[in-house]
Amino acid sequence: SGQTINVDKREHIRVTPAIAGLPAAPATFFFGGSTMWGLGATDDTTIPAYYQALARETAVNYGESGWTAHQSLNEPTR
């Protein structure tokens, strides 16, 4: 946790600040690399946070800092 970047201690994902009155479900999940995670952005200026504010639907940020599309291609299927 910091002044501008926070990670949920239980789920280990980037925090998207809640908007009062929005229900937890349904939610839209966001996946991707550093851009989606919000490298260099405050919690309330990530792509999921903007989506949440515009769509008025809860967003969950599963982006991963440092993850690239190439790594996704190399990841073995399970």
Protein backbone atom coordinates (compact mmCIF):
# COMPACT_ATOMS: atom_id res chain seq x y z
CA SER A 1 0.00 0.00 0.00
CA GLY A 2 1.20 3.42 -0.86
CA GLN A 3 0.05 6.94 -1.51
CA THR A 4 -0.90 6.29 -5.14
CA ILE A 5 -0.59 2.51 -5.74
CA ASN A 6 -2.31 -0.14 -3.63
CA VAL A 7 -2.51 -3.92 -3.94
CA ASP A 8 -5.24 -5.90 -2.19
CA LYS A 9 -3.52 -7.94 0.54
CA ARG A 10 -5.99 -10.84 0.29
CA GLU A 11 -6.32 -11.23 -3.48
CA HIS A 12 -2.94 -9.68 -4.46
CA ILE A 13 -4.49 -7.61 -7.27
CA ARG A 14 -4.33 -3.89 -8.04
CA VAL A 15 -6.98 -1.94 -6.17
CA THR A 16 -9.71 -0.22 -8.17
CA PRO A 17 -11.29 2.25 -5.73
CA ALA A 18 -14.96 1.50 -5.07
CA ILE A 19 -17.65 3.92 -6.17
CA ALA A 20 -20.42 4.40 -3.62
CA GLY A 21 -23.65 2.75 -4.68
CA LEU A 22 -22.13 0.31 -7.21
CA PRO A 23 -22.94 -3.33 -6.44
CA ALA A 24 -20.04 -5.80 -6.31
CA ALA A 25 -21.71 -7.96 -8.97
CA PRO A 26 -21.92 -8.05 -11.86
CA ALA A 27 -18.32 -7.05 -12.39
CA THR A 28 -16.10 -6.68 -15.44
CA PHE A 29 -12.66 -8.31 -15.16
CA PHE A 30 -9.62 -6.76 -16.84
CA PHE A 31 -6.51 -8.79 -17.77
CA GLY A 32 -3.27 -7.69 -19.39
CA GLY A 33 0.20 -6.41 -18.79
CA SER A 34 1.71 -3.24 -17.38
CA THR A 35 -0.64 -0.93 -19.28
CA MET A 36 -3.73 -2.62 -17.85
CA TRP A 37 -2.18 -2.87 -14.39
CA GLY A 38 -1.55 0.84 -14.51
CA LEU A 39 2.20 1.20 -14.25
CA GLY A 40 2.82 4.83 -13.30
CA ALA A 41 -0.88 5.57 -12.72
CA THR A 42 -2.72 6.19 -9.48
CA ASP A 43 -5.38 3.68 -8.42
CA ASP A 44 -8.17 5.90 -9.72
CA THR A 45 -6.57 6.53 -13.13
CA THR A 46 -6.08 2.96 -14.38
CA ILE A 47 -8.05 1.66 -17.37
CA PRO A 48 -10.35 -0.43 -15.14
CA ALA A 49 -10.98 2.58 -12.88
CA TYR A 50 -11.93 4.74 -15.87
CA TYR A 51 -14.19 2.00 -17.20
CA GLN A 52 -15.85 1.66 -13.81
CA ALA A 53 -16.54 5.39 -13.64
CA LEU A 54 -17.90 5.61 -17.18
CA ALA A 55 -19.91 2.36 -17.31
CA ARG A 56 -21.07 2.54 -13.68
CA GLU A 57 -20.17 -1.14 -13.30
CA THR A 58 -17.69 -2.63 -10.84
CA ALA A 59 -14.29 -3.36 -12.40
CA VAL A 60 -11.63 -5.78 -11.13
CA ASN A 61 -8.04 -5.28 -12.26
CA TYR A 62 -6.23 -8.58 -12.84
CA GLY A 63 -3.51 -6.87 -14.88
CA GLU A 64 0.04 -7.88 -14.05
CA SER A 65 2.94 -5.43 -14.06
CA GLY A 66 5.72 -6.74 -16.27
CA TRP A 67 3.59 -9.36 -18.07
CA THR A 68 3.77 -9.29 -21.86
CA ALA A 69 1.79 -10.87 -24.71
CA HIS A 70 4.87 -12.95 -25.57
CA GLN A 71 4.77 -14.54 -22.12
CA SER A 72 1.11 -15.44 -22.68
CA LEU A 73 2.03 -17.21 -25.91
CA ASN A 74 4.77 -19.17 -24.15
CA GLU A 75 2.60 -20.16 -21.19
CA PRO A 76 1.72 -23.87 -21.38
CA THR A 77 -1.97 -24.77 -21.55
CA ARG A 78 -3.41 -26.55 -18.58
